[in-house]
């Protein structure tokens, strides 16, 4: 498989449901909206795709359905992380066989392994595929951070461990990664509201929740930053910022699903328990920020 660049605007896709079952027609429609909107890649079954409440069979069927819908037009980065190393290896092998271009692998959550444990966990996954692995550091959800030293060790051993989705909320952390590894690591923002600050210190794009709906708007900001037009990127960032904050007013992906249903891109904003429908007051806030953007 030809390796493709994993930079720019990449959407962390929601998994649409109807009557608590995966709505594959809605998923295909959403993928088509992304591709036609100029997206640079898509991520099925990440956190935004509610991977914790999908069965293993559903998880892989969503990956396969996404790959089929994309039809090779943009890279598909399959979420294959788990807090069980054996499970993460298995999902990675299945996604590789299904034709995923790359894998997004979150740090193990709840177990809170040491940095050596993290290193061994990611080594086992890297040994299971030769396709690009995007490490995913999100200490707010996992309780641990993938240390810069651990990233250095992994990069030294595996040429295909060359990307990291950084969702720790720290510009300093992005700078540390780039100081340590320079061009050997591609950093992707994991926070919509921090994409531009992260790019100012070396990130090369975003794995975005907002771009489920705002694919053209987020894409325009990221392209401007990649072209070093920070005056234009800054204007677009300030325009998008209220919505980038509003879509996390309740646990992700509750608000973005409500926004997608409002726009007619999915037929239902259902989420799976323990997530629940968004409250009326917060729904109004999301609607107001979208109206201000012309949506």
Protein backbone atom coordinates (compact mmCIF):
# COMPACT_ATOMS: atom_id res chain seq x y z
CA UNK A 1 0.00 0.00 0.00
CA UNK A 2 1.31 3.45 -0.95
CA UNK A 3 1.87 5.61 2.12
CA UNK A 4 -0.13 8.83 2.09
CA UNK A 5 0.50 12.07 3.91
CA UNK A 6 -1.39 12.38 7.19
CA UNK A 7 -1.53 16.14 7.64
CA UNK A 8 -4.05 18.93 7.21
CA UNK A 9 -7.64 18.56 8.37
CA UNK A 10 -8.66 15.04 9.35
CA UNK A 11 -12.14 14.40 10.73
CA UNK A 12 -12.75 12.24 13.79
CA UNK A 13 -16.02 10.81 12.48
CA UNK A 14 -19.09 10.32 14.63
CA UNK A 15 -20.79 6.94 14.48
CA UNK A 16 -24.44 7.64 13.65
CA UNK A 17 -27.10 5.56 15.38
CA UNK A 18 -30.80 4.96 14.82
CA UNK A 19 -32.70 3.08 17.50
CA UNK A 20 -29.28 2.38 19.06
CA UNK A 21 -28.01 0.50 16.00
CA UNK A 22 -25.27 1.81 13.71
CA UNK A 23 -26.89 3.82 10.88
CA UNK A 24 -24.65 2.88 7.96
CA UNK A 25 -26.58 4.98 5.44
CA UNK A 26 -25.95 8.05 7.58
CA UNK A 27 -22.29 7.10 7.93
CA UNK A 28 -21.89 6.82 4.16
CA UNK A 29 -23.63 10.17 3.66
CA UNK A 30 -21.35 11.80 6.22
CA UNK A 31 -18.23 10.35 4.56
CA UNK A 32 -19.36 11.69 1.18
CA UNK A 33 -19.93 15.12 2.71
CA UNK A 34 -16.40 15.02 4.09
CA UNK A 35 -14.74 14.02 0.84
CA UNK A 36 -16.68 16.55 -1.24
CA UNK A 37 -15.82 19.22 1.33
CA UNK A 38 -12.10 18.71 0.74
CA UNK A 39 -11.16 16.76 3.86
CA UNK A 40 -7.60 15.39 4.06
CA UNK A 41 -8.50 12.19 5.90
CA UNK A 42 -11.03 10.55 8.22
CA UNK A 43 -10.82 8.63 11.50
CA UNK A 44 -13.55 6.08 12.18
CA UNK A 45 -14.10 4.66 15.68
CA UNK A 46 -12.04 7.06 17.70
CA UNK A 47 -13.49 8.55 20.88
CA UNK A 48 -15.77 10.75 18.75
CA UNK A 49 -16.99 7.55 17.10
CA UNK A 50 -18.05 6.19 20.53
CA UNK A 51 -15.66 3.27 20.28
CA UNK A 52 -16.01 2.42 24.01
CA UNK A 53 -19.65 1.40 23.50
CA UNK A 54 -19.30 -0.39 20.17
CA UNK A 55 -18.94 -4.16 20.17
CA UNK A 56 -15.81 -5.56 18.51
CA UNK A 57 -17.95 -6.65 15.57
CA UNK A 58 -19.50 -3.19 15.20
CA UNK A 59 -16.11 -1.55 15.59
CA UNK A 60 -14.63 -3.42 12.66
CA UNK A 61 -17.77 -3.13 10.53
CA UNK A 62 -17.66 0.67 10.92
CA UNK A 63 -14.01 0.61 9.82
CA UNK A 64 -14.85 -1.54 6.78
CA UNK A 65 -17.88 0.58 5.90
CA UNK A 66 -15.82 3.76 6.10
CA UNK A 67 -13.08 2.33 3.89
CA UNK A 68 -15.71 1.22 1.36
CA UNK A 69 -17.40 4.64 1.37
CA UNK A 70 -14.14 6.55 1.01
CA UNK A 71 -13.13 4.47 -2.05
CA UNK A 72 -9.49 5.42 -1.72
CA UNK A 73 -10.07 9.14 -2.13
CA UNK A 74 -8.55 10.14 1.24
CA UNK A 75 -6.62 8.24 3.94
CA UNK A 76 -8.61 6.28 6.50
CA UNK A 77 -6.98 6.19 9.94
CA UNK A 78 -8.73 3.49 11.95
CA UNK A 79 -9.02 3.82 15.71
CA UNK A 80 -7.50 0.62 17.12
CA UNK A 81 -6.50 1.59 20.64
CA UNK A 82 -7.47 -0.17 23.86
CA UNK A 83 -6.35 -0.42 27.46
CA UNK A 84 -5.68 -4.10 26.71
CA UNK A 85 -2.53 -4.63 24.66
CA UNK A 86 -3.85 -7.90 23.26
CA UNK A 87 -7.08 -6.24 22.16
CA UNK A 88 -5.27 -3.28 20.58
CA UNK A 89 -2.98 -5.62 18.66
CA UNK A 90 -5.98 -7.62 17.44
CA UNK A 91 -7.89 -4.54 16.29
CA UNK A 92 -4.77 -3.23 14.55
CA UNK A 93 -4.31 -6.49 12.67
CA UNK A 94 -7.97 -6.52 11.61
CA UNK A 95 -7.86 -2.88 10.47
CA UNK A 96 -4.66 -3.59 8.52
CA UNK A 97 -6.37 -6.52 6.78
CA UNK A 98 -9.43 -4.37 6.04
CA UNK A 99 -7.25 -1.86 4.19
CA UNK A 100 -6.91 1.03 6.64
CA UNK A 101 -4.16 3.45 5.64
CA UNK A 102 -3.04 4.05 9.24
CA UNK A 103 -4.02 3.39 12.86
CA UNK A 104 -4.86 5.83 15.65
CA UNK A 105 -3.76 4.26 18.94
CA UNK A 106 -4.73 5.92 22.19
CA UNK A 107 -2.73 5.54 25.40
CA UNK A 108 -4.13 2.78 27.62
CA UNK A 109 -6.80 4.26 29.88
CA UNK A 110 -7.61 3.37 33.49
CA UNK A 111 -4.70 0.90 33.94
CA UNK A 112 -2.21 3.83 34.25
CA UNK A 113 0.91 1.91 33.15
CA UNK A 114 4.42 3.26 33.62
CA UNK A 115 6.27 4.83 30.70
CA UNK A 116 8.05 1.49 30.23
CA UNK A 117 4.68 -0.22 30.12
CA UNK A 118 3.50 2.30 27.54
CA UNK A 119 6.62 1.69 25.47
CA UNK A 120 6.09 -2.07 25.47
CA UNK A 121 2.37 -1.63 24.69
CA UNK A 122 3.07 0.50 21.62
CA UNK A 123 5.93 -1.78 20.53
CA UNK A 124 3.53 -4.74 20.44
CA UNK A 125 1.12 -2.74 18.29
CA UNK A 126 3.88 -1.47 16.00
CA UNK A 127 5.04 -5.04 15.49
CA UNK A 128 1.54 -5.93 14.24
CA UNK A 129 1.55 -3.58 11.21
CA UNK A 130 3.93 -1.72 8.94
CA UNK A 131 1.41 1.05 8.27
CA UNK A 132 1.67 4.44 9.99
CA UNK A 133 0.72 4.56 13.64
CA UNK A 134 -0.64 7.79 15.08
CA UNK A 135 -0.01 7.81 18.82
CA UNK A 136 -2.81 9.50 20.74
CA UNK A 137 -1.96 11.28 23.98
CA UNK A 138 -5.01 12.54 25.87
CA UNK A 139 -4.24 12.54 29.60
CA UNK A 140 -7.60 14.07 30.51
CA UNK A 141 -9.32 10.86 29.44
CA UNK A 142 -6.56 8.31 30.02
CA UNK A 143 -5.00 9.56 33.24
CA UNK A 144 -1.50 9.31 31.71
CA UNK A 145 0.55 11.15 29.11
CA UNK A 146 2.75 9.49 26.51
CA UNK A 147 6.08 10.97 27.62
CA UNK A 148 8.30 12.78 25.13
CA UNK A 149 11.07 10.31 25.97
CA UNK A 150 8.75 7.40 25.20
CA UNK A 151 7.86 8.94 21.84
CA UNK A 152 11.60 9.31 21.11
CA UNK A 153 12.24 5.65 21.94
CA UNK A 154 9.38 4.47 19.76
CA UNK A 155 10.42 6.68 16.85
CA UNK A 156 14.01 5.39 17.08
CA UNK A 157 12.83 1.78 16.82
CA UNK A 158 9.95 2.09 14.34
CA UNK A 159 9.98 4.26 11.21
CA UNK A 160 6.18 3.97 10.96
CA UNK A 161 5.57 5.40 14.45
CA UNK A 162 5.90 8.92 13.11
CA UNK A 163 2.73 10.79 14.12
CA UNK A 164 1.07 11.86 17.36
CA UNK A 165 -2.34 13.30 18.06
CA UNK A 166 -1.70 15.71 20.89
CA UNK A 167 -4.73 16.43 23.09
CA UNK A 168 -3.12 17.50 26.35
CA UNK A 169 -4.06 21.14 25.92
CA UNK A 170 -0.47 22.39 26.07
CA UNK A 171 1.37 24.39 23.42
CA UNK A 172 4.53 23.79 25.45
CA UNK A 173 4.10 20.04 25.04
CA UNK A 174 3.91 20.41 21.23
CA UNK A 175 7.06 22.51 21.36
CA UNK A 176 8.81 19.84 23.46
CA UNK A 177 7.95 17.16 20.89
CA UNK A 178 9.25 19.28 18.01
CA UNK A 179 12.38 20.27 19.93
CA UNK A 180 13.12 16.61 20.63
CA UNK A 181 12.22 15.09 17.27
CA UNK A 182 11.89 17.90 14.73
CA UNK A 183 10.81 16.62 11.32
CA UNK A 184 10.87 13.02 12.59
CA UNK A 185 7.48 13.54 14.28
CA UNK A 186 4.26 14.86 12.76
CA UNK A 187 2.11 16.46 15.44
CA UNK A 188 -1.65 16.75 14.91
CA UNK A 189 -3.81 18.82 17.21
CA UNK A 190 -6.46 16.93 19.14
CA UNK A 191 -8.19 20.09 20.37
CA UNK A 192 -10.19 22.16 17.88
CA UNK A 193 -9.82 25.37 19.85
CA UNK A 194 -6.02 24.96 20.04
CA UNK A 195 -5.28 23.95 16.46
CA UNK A 196 -3.85 27.30 15.40
CA UNK A 197 -1.64 27.79 18.50
CA UNK A 198 -0.36 24.23 18.08
CA UNK A 199 0.42 24.83 14.41
CA UNK A 200 2.30 28.01 15.30
CA UNK A 201 4.89 25.86 17.10
CA UNK A 202 5.07 23.05 14.57
CA UNK A 203 1.90 20.96 14.40
CA UNK A 204 0.86 20.09 10.84
CA UNK A 205 -2.88 19.82 11.17
CA UNK A 206 -5.74 18.60 13.31
CA UNK A 207 -7.82 15.53 13.95
CA UNK A 208 -10.99 17.54 14.31
CA UNK A 209 -14.43 17.07 15.81
CA UNK A 210 -15.75 20.36 14.42
CA UNK A 211 -14.99 19.35 10.84
CA UNK A 212 -17.72 16.72 10.98
CA UNK A 213 -19.90 19.72 10.11
CA UNK A 214 -17.48 22.60 9.43
CA UNK A 215 -15.25 20.74 6.99
CA UNK A 216 -14.66 23.71 4.66
CA UNK A 217 -14.20 26.23 7.46
CA UNK A 218 -11.71 24.20 9.49
CA UNK A 219 -9.94 23.19 6.29
CA UNK A 220 -9.52 26.80 5.21
CA UNK A 221 -7.94 27.76 8.54
CA UNK A 222 -5.54 24.82 8.50
CA UNK A 223 -4.52 25.43 4.89
CA UNK A 224 -3.81 29.08 5.66
CA UNK A 225 -1.60 28.10 8.60
CA UNK A 226 0.25 25.50 6.54
CA UNK A 227 0.90 28.22 3.97
CA UNK A 228 2.30 30.45 6.77
CA UNK A 229 -0.53 32.95 6.25
CA UNK A 230 -1.12 33.42 9.96
CA UNK A 231 -2.98 36.69 9.47
CA UNK A 232 -5.72 34.88 7.53
CA UNK A 233 -5.52 31.79 9.76
CA UNK A 234 -5.95 34.01 12.81
CA UNK A 235 -9.08 35.62 11.39
CA UNK A 236 -10.58 32.22 10.68
CA UNK A 237 -9.55 30.91 14.10
CA UNK A 238 -11.32 33.78 15.87
CA UNK A 239 -14.44 33.18 13.78
CA UNK A 240 -14.46 29.47 14.55
CA UNK A 241 -13.39 29.66 18.18
CA UNK A 242 -16.85 30.07 19.80
CA UNK A 243 -18.14 27.01 17.97
CA UNK A 244 -14.95 25.05 18.70
CA UNK A 245 -15.64 25.63 22.39
CA UNK A 246 -19.41 25.09 22.19
CA UNK A 247 -19.15 21.63 20.66
CA UNK A 248 -17.46 20.49 23.87
CA UNK A 249 -20.01 22.11 26.19
CA UNK A 250 -21.15 18.55 26.97
CA UNK A 251 -19.23 15.29 26.56
CA UNK A 252 -18.07 14.61 23.02
CA UNK A 253 -19.76 13.64 20.67
CA UNK A 254 -23.11 14.73 22.13
CA UNK A 255 -23.01 18.36 20.84
CA UNK A 256 -21.54 17.61 17.40
CA UNK A 257 -24.16 14.92 16.81
CA UNK A 258 -26.88 17.42 17.69
CA UNK A 259 -25.31 19.88 15.22
CA UNK A 260 -25.12 17.24 12.48
CA UNK A 261 -28.76 16.28 12.95
CA UNK A 262 -29.76 19.95 12.87
CA UNK A 263 -27.93 20.27 9.56
CA UNK A 264 -29.65 17.19 8.14
CA UNK A 265 -26.41 15.24 7.73
CA UNK A 266 -27.49 12.43 10.05
CA UNK A 267 -31.01 11.33 10.86
CA UNK A 268 -30.64 11.07 14.62
CA UNK A 269 -28.42 12.57 17.30
CA UNK A 270 -28.63 9.43 19.43
CA UNK A 271 -25.65 8.49 21.57
CA UNK A 272 -25.14 5.32 23.54
CA UNK A 273 -25.33 5.21 27.34
CA UNK A 274 -23.72 6.28 29.56
CA UNK A 275 -23.80 9.35 27.29
CA UNK A 276 -27.19 11.03 27.03
CA UNK A 277 -29.01 13.66 24.99
CA UNK A 278 -27.89 17.26 25.33
CA UNK A 279 -29.83 19.58 27.63
CA UNK A 280 -32.05 22.30 26.16
CA UNK A 281 -29.97 25.23 27.44
CA UNK A 282 -26.72 23.88 26.01
CA UNK A 283 -28.44 22.92 22.76
CA UNK A 284 -29.46 26.55 22.37
CA UNK A 285 -25.86 27.70 22.89
CA UNK A 286 -24.61 25.35 20.16
CA UNK A 287 -27.37 26.50 17.80
CA UNK A 288 -26.52 30.16 18.42
CA UNK A 289 -22.83 29.71 17.65
CA UNK A 290 -23.66 27.81 14.47
CA UNK A 291 -26.09 30.51 13.34
CA UNK A 292 -23.33 33.07 13.83
CA UNK A 293 -21.25 31.04 11.35
CA UNK A 294 -24.10 30.89 8.87
CA UNK A 295 -25.11 27.30 9.65
